[in-house]
N, C-alpha and C. Protein backbone atom coordinates (compact mmCIF):
# COMPACT_ATOMS: atom_id res chain seq x y z
N MET A 1 0.83 -1.19 0.00
CA MET A 1 0.00 0.00 0.00
C MET A 1 0.88 1.25 0.00
N ASN A 2 0.37 2.26 -0.64
CA ASN A 2 1.05 3.55 -0.68
C ASN A 2 0.28 4.54 0.17
N ARG A 3 0.98 5.58 0.62
CA ARG A 3 0.34 6.63 1.42
C ARG A 3 0.16 7.87 0.56
N TYR A 4 -1.01 8.51 0.73
CA TYR A 4 -1.34 9.71 -0.03
C TYR A 4 -1.94 10.76 0.89
N LEU A 5 -1.59 12.01 0.62
CA LEU A 5 -2.22 13.14 1.26
C LEU A 5 -3.27 13.65 0.29
N ILE A 6 -4.50 13.76 0.76
CA ILE A 6 -5.58 14.31 -0.04
C ILE A 6 -5.94 15.66 0.56
N GLU A 7 -5.95 16.69 -0.28
CA GLU A 7 -6.31 18.03 0.15
C GLU A 7 -7.52 18.48 -0.66
N VAL A 8 -8.56 18.90 0.04
CA VAL A 8 -9.79 19.34 -0.63
C VAL A 8 -10.12 20.74 -0.13
N ALA A 9 -10.03 21.71 -1.02
CA ALA A 9 -10.33 23.10 -0.67
C ALA A 9 -11.78 23.42 -0.97
N HIS A 10 -12.30 24.41 -0.26
CA HIS A 10 -13.63 24.92 -0.54
C HIS A 10 -13.64 26.43 -0.29
N ASP A 11 -14.69 27.08 -0.73
CA ASP A 11 -14.78 28.53 -0.59
C ASP A 11 -14.80 28.97 0.86
N ASN A 12 -14.44 30.22 1.07
CA ASN A 12 -14.35 30.82 2.39
C ASN A 12 -15.70 31.42 2.80
N THR A 13 -16.71 30.57 2.89
CA THR A 13 -18.02 31.01 3.39
C THR A 13 -18.55 29.96 4.35
N VAL A 14 -19.43 30.39 5.22
CA VAL A 14 -20.02 29.44 6.17
C VAL A 14 -20.76 28.34 5.40
N ASN A 15 -21.51 28.73 4.37
CA ASN A 15 -22.26 27.73 3.61
C ASN A 15 -21.34 26.71 2.95
N ALA A 16 -20.21 27.16 2.42
CA ALA A 16 -19.27 26.24 1.78
C ALA A 16 -18.66 25.29 2.80
N CYS A 17 -18.33 25.79 3.98
CA CYS A 17 -17.78 24.94 5.04
C CYS A 17 -18.79 23.87 5.44
N VAL A 18 -20.02 24.31 5.68
CA VAL A 18 -21.07 23.38 6.10
C VAL A 18 -21.30 22.33 5.01
N ARG A 19 -21.38 22.78 3.77
CA ARG A 19 -21.64 21.85 2.66
C ARG A 19 -20.52 20.81 2.55
N ALA A 20 -19.27 21.26 2.60
CA ALA A 20 -18.13 20.34 2.48
C ALA A 20 -18.12 19.35 3.64
N ALA A 21 -18.30 19.83 4.86
CA ALA A 21 -18.29 18.95 6.02
C ALA A 21 -19.43 17.94 5.95
N GLU A 22 -20.61 18.40 5.55
CA GLU A 22 -21.74 17.47 5.43
C GLU A 22 -21.49 16.41 4.37
N LEU A 23 -20.91 16.81 3.23
CA LEU A 23 -20.61 15.83 2.18
C LEU A 23 -19.68 14.75 2.71
N PHE A 24 -18.66 15.16 3.45
CA PHE A 24 -17.71 14.20 4.00
C PHE A 24 -18.41 13.28 5.00
N LEU A 25 -19.13 13.87 5.94
CA LEU A 25 -19.72 13.08 7.02
C LEU A 25 -20.86 12.18 6.55
N ARG A 26 -21.61 12.61 5.57
CA ARG A 26 -22.73 11.80 5.09
C ARG A 26 -22.30 10.55 4.34
N THR A 27 -21.09 10.54 3.83
CA THR A 27 -20.65 9.37 3.07
C THR A 27 -20.52 8.14 3.96
N GLY A 28 -20.20 8.39 5.23
CA GLY A 28 -19.99 7.27 6.13
C GLY A 28 -18.63 6.61 5.96
N SER A 29 -17.85 7.10 4.99
CA SER A 29 -16.52 6.54 4.76
C SER A 29 -15.62 6.82 5.96
N HIS A 30 -14.95 5.79 6.43
CA HIS A 30 -14.03 5.96 7.56
C HIS A 30 -13.00 7.06 7.27
N PHE A 31 -12.49 7.08 6.05
CA PHE A 31 -11.50 8.09 5.69
C PHE A 31 -12.08 9.50 5.85
N LEU A 32 -13.25 9.71 5.29
CA LEU A 32 -13.82 11.05 5.25
C LEU A 32 -14.31 11.53 6.62
N THR A 33 -14.79 10.61 7.44
CA THR A 33 -15.27 11.03 8.75
C THR A 33 -14.12 11.36 9.70
N HIS A 34 -12.90 11.05 9.28
CA HIS A 34 -11.73 11.37 10.10
C HIS A 34 -10.84 12.43 9.46
N ALA A 35 -11.41 13.23 8.58
CA ALA A 35 -10.65 14.30 7.93
C ALA A 35 -10.28 15.36 8.96
N ASP A 36 -9.19 16.05 8.70
CA ASP A 36 -8.80 17.21 9.50
C ASP A 36 -9.13 18.46 8.69
N TRP A 37 -9.64 19.47 9.38
CA TRP A 37 -10.12 20.69 8.72
C TRP A 37 -9.35 21.90 9.24
N GLY A 38 -9.14 22.88 8.38
CA GLY A 38 -8.47 24.12 8.76
C GLY A 38 -9.39 25.31 8.84
N CYS A 39 -10.68 25.11 8.68
CA CYS A 39 -11.66 26.21 8.58
C CYS A 39 -11.62 27.15 9.78
N LYS A 40 -11.53 26.62 10.97
CA LYS A 40 -11.55 27.47 12.17
C LYS A 40 -10.33 28.36 12.27
N ASP A 41 -9.29 28.05 11.49
CA ASP A 41 -8.09 28.88 11.47
C ASP A 41 -7.99 29.67 10.17
N GLY A 42 -9.07 29.70 9.39
CA GLY A 42 -9.10 30.49 8.17
C GLY A 42 -8.53 29.80 6.94
N ASP A 43 -8.15 28.54 7.05
CA ASP A 43 -7.62 27.79 5.90
C ASP A 43 -8.70 26.79 5.49
N HIS A 44 -9.46 27.12 4.49
CA HIS A 44 -10.67 26.37 4.15
C HIS A 44 -10.36 25.15 3.28
N LYS A 45 -9.80 24.16 3.97
CA LYS A 45 -9.41 22.90 3.34
C LYS A 45 -9.62 21.77 4.32
N ALA A 46 -9.78 20.58 3.74
CA ALA A 46 -9.79 19.34 4.52
C ALA A 46 -8.59 18.53 4.07
N TRP A 47 -8.00 17.80 5.01
CA TRP A 47 -6.85 16.95 4.69
C TRP A 47 -7.09 15.55 5.21
N LEU A 48 -6.65 14.58 4.43
CA LEU A 48 -6.71 13.18 4.83
C LEU A 48 -5.39 12.54 4.43
N ILE A 49 -4.93 11.62 5.22
CA ILE A 49 -3.81 10.77 4.83
C ILE A 49 -4.37 9.36 4.78
N VAL A 50 -4.24 8.74 3.62
CA VAL A 50 -4.83 7.41 3.41
C VAL A 50 -3.78 6.45 2.89
N GLU A 51 -4.00 5.18 3.15
CA GLU A 51 -3.16 4.11 2.61
C GLU A 51 -4.02 3.30 1.65
N VAL A 52 -3.73 3.45 0.37
CA VAL A 52 -4.45 2.75 -0.69
C VAL A 52 -3.46 2.35 -1.77
N ASP A 53 -3.91 1.63 -2.77
CA ASP A 53 -3.01 1.11 -3.80
C ASP A 53 -2.56 2.12 -4.84
N SER A 54 -3.40 3.14 -5.13
CA SER A 54 -3.05 4.05 -6.22
C SER A 54 -3.56 5.46 -5.96
N LYS A 55 -3.00 6.39 -6.72
CA LYS A 55 -3.43 7.78 -6.65
C LYS A 55 -4.90 7.90 -7.06
N GLU A 56 -5.28 7.14 -8.06
CA GLU A 56 -6.67 7.15 -8.52
C GLU A 56 -7.61 6.67 -7.42
N GLU A 57 -7.22 5.63 -6.71
CA GLU A 57 -8.04 5.13 -5.62
C GLU A 57 -8.17 6.18 -4.52
N ALA A 58 -7.08 6.88 -4.25
CA ALA A 58 -7.12 7.96 -3.25
C ALA A 58 -8.08 9.06 -3.69
N ARG A 59 -8.01 9.48 -4.94
CA ARG A 59 -8.89 10.53 -5.44
C ARG A 59 -10.36 10.10 -5.37
N ASN A 60 -10.62 8.84 -5.62
CA ASN A 60 -12.00 8.35 -5.60
C ASN A 60 -12.62 8.30 -4.21
N ILE A 61 -11.82 8.49 -3.18
CA ILE A 61 -12.35 8.57 -1.82
C ILE A 61 -13.14 9.86 -1.64
N VAL A 62 -12.73 10.91 -2.34
CA VAL A 62 -13.36 12.22 -2.23
C VAL A 62 -14.76 12.18 -2.84
N PRO A 63 -15.75 12.81 -2.18
CA PRO A 63 -17.09 12.85 -2.77
C PRO A 63 -17.04 13.43 -4.19
N PRO A 64 -17.84 12.89 -5.10
CA PRO A 64 -17.79 13.32 -6.50
C PRO A 64 -17.89 14.83 -6.70
N GLU A 65 -18.69 15.50 -5.88
CA GLU A 65 -18.88 16.94 -6.03
C GLU A 65 -17.59 17.74 -5.78
N LEU A 66 -16.66 17.17 -5.04
CA LEU A 66 -15.43 17.86 -4.69
C LEU A 66 -14.19 17.24 -5.33
N ARG A 67 -14.36 16.15 -6.02
CA ARG A 67 -13.24 15.35 -6.53
C ARG A 67 -12.35 16.12 -7.50
N ALA A 68 -12.93 16.88 -8.40
CA ALA A 68 -12.13 17.59 -9.42
C ALA A 68 -11.17 18.59 -8.79
N ALA A 69 -11.56 19.17 -7.67
CA ALA A 69 -10.72 20.17 -7.02
C ALA A 69 -9.72 19.57 -6.03
N ALA A 70 -9.82 18.28 -5.79
CA ALA A 70 -8.94 17.63 -4.81
C ALA A 70 -7.51 17.53 -5.33
N ARG A 71 -6.58 17.70 -4.42
CA ARG A 71 -5.16 17.51 -4.74
C ARG A 71 -4.70 16.26 -4.02
N VAL A 72 -4.05 15.36 -4.76
CA VAL A 72 -3.59 14.09 -4.19
C VAL A 72 -2.07 14.03 -4.36
N VAL A 73 -1.37 13.81 -3.25
CA VAL A 73 0.09 13.79 -3.26
C VAL A 73 0.57 12.47 -2.68
N ALA A 74 1.40 11.75 -3.43
CA ALA A 74 2.02 10.53 -2.90
C ALA A 74 3.05 10.94 -1.85
N LEU A 75 3.01 10.27 -0.71
CA LEU A 75 3.92 10.59 0.39
C LEU A 75 5.05 9.57 0.47
N ASN A 76 6.18 10.04 0.91
CA ASN A 76 7.31 9.15 1.16
C ASN A 76 8.11 9.72 2.33
N SER A 77 8.99 8.92 2.85
CA SER A 77 9.91 9.38 3.88
C SER A 77 11.33 9.11 3.38
N PHE A 78 12.30 9.71 4.04
CA PHE A 78 13.69 9.54 3.65
C PHE A 78 14.50 9.03 4.82
N THR A 79 15.49 8.22 4.52
CA THR A 79 16.52 7.87 5.49
C THR A 79 17.70 8.81 5.25
N MET A 80 18.61 8.89 6.19
CA MET A 80 19.80 9.74 5.99
C MET A 80 20.61 9.25 4.79
N ALA A 81 20.67 7.94 4.59
CA ALA A 81 21.41 7.39 3.44
C ALA A 81 20.77 7.87 2.13
N GLN A 82 19.46 7.90 2.08
CA GLN A 82 18.79 8.37 0.87
C GLN A 82 19.03 9.86 0.64
N VAL A 83 19.06 10.63 1.70
CA VAL A 83 19.35 12.06 1.58
C VAL A 83 20.77 12.27 1.06
N ASP A 84 21.71 11.51 1.58
CA ASP A 84 23.09 11.60 1.10
C ASP A 84 23.18 11.22 -0.37
N GLU A 85 22.45 10.19 -0.78
CA GLU A 85 22.42 9.76 -2.17
C GLU A 85 21.84 10.86 -3.06
N LEU A 86 20.79 11.49 -2.63
CA LEU A 86 20.20 12.60 -3.39
C LEU A 86 21.20 13.75 -3.53
N ARG A 87 21.87 14.07 -2.44
CA ARG A 87 22.86 15.15 -2.45
C ARG A 87 23.95 14.85 -3.46
N GLN A 88 24.43 13.61 -3.50
CA GLN A 88 25.49 13.23 -4.42
C GLN A 88 25.03 13.28 -5.87
N LYS A 89 23.83 12.81 -6.12
CA LYS A 89 23.30 12.81 -7.49
C LYS A 89 23.06 14.20 -8.04
N HIS A 90 22.71 15.14 -7.15
CA HIS A 90 22.35 16.47 -7.60
C HIS A 90 23.42 17.51 -7.29
N GLY A 91 24.56 17.07 -6.83
CA GLY A 91 25.69 17.96 -6.61
C GLY A 91 25.45 19.02 -5.56
N ALA A 92 24.63 18.73 -4.58
CA ALA A 92 24.34 19.72 -3.54
C ALA A 92 25.38 19.66 -2.43
């Protein structure tokens, strides 16, 4: 399984916040009901980190009404050896 960060933005209005939150919660999807939101701090986005097989599968977790605007990023971590290897390859 791969890890993905899903970011879903919505407009900066109370109605948009309510609509987005309701769409997530009504799905009943474990992923969506555990989203983190930035609305109370003025950043009108929801974030999820999911473990699924593909980027497409991650995108399909998002409700259809919000899917086109969703950003999906494959996540990885680095070891110090990998950082050193990157530095050597890129002459940093």
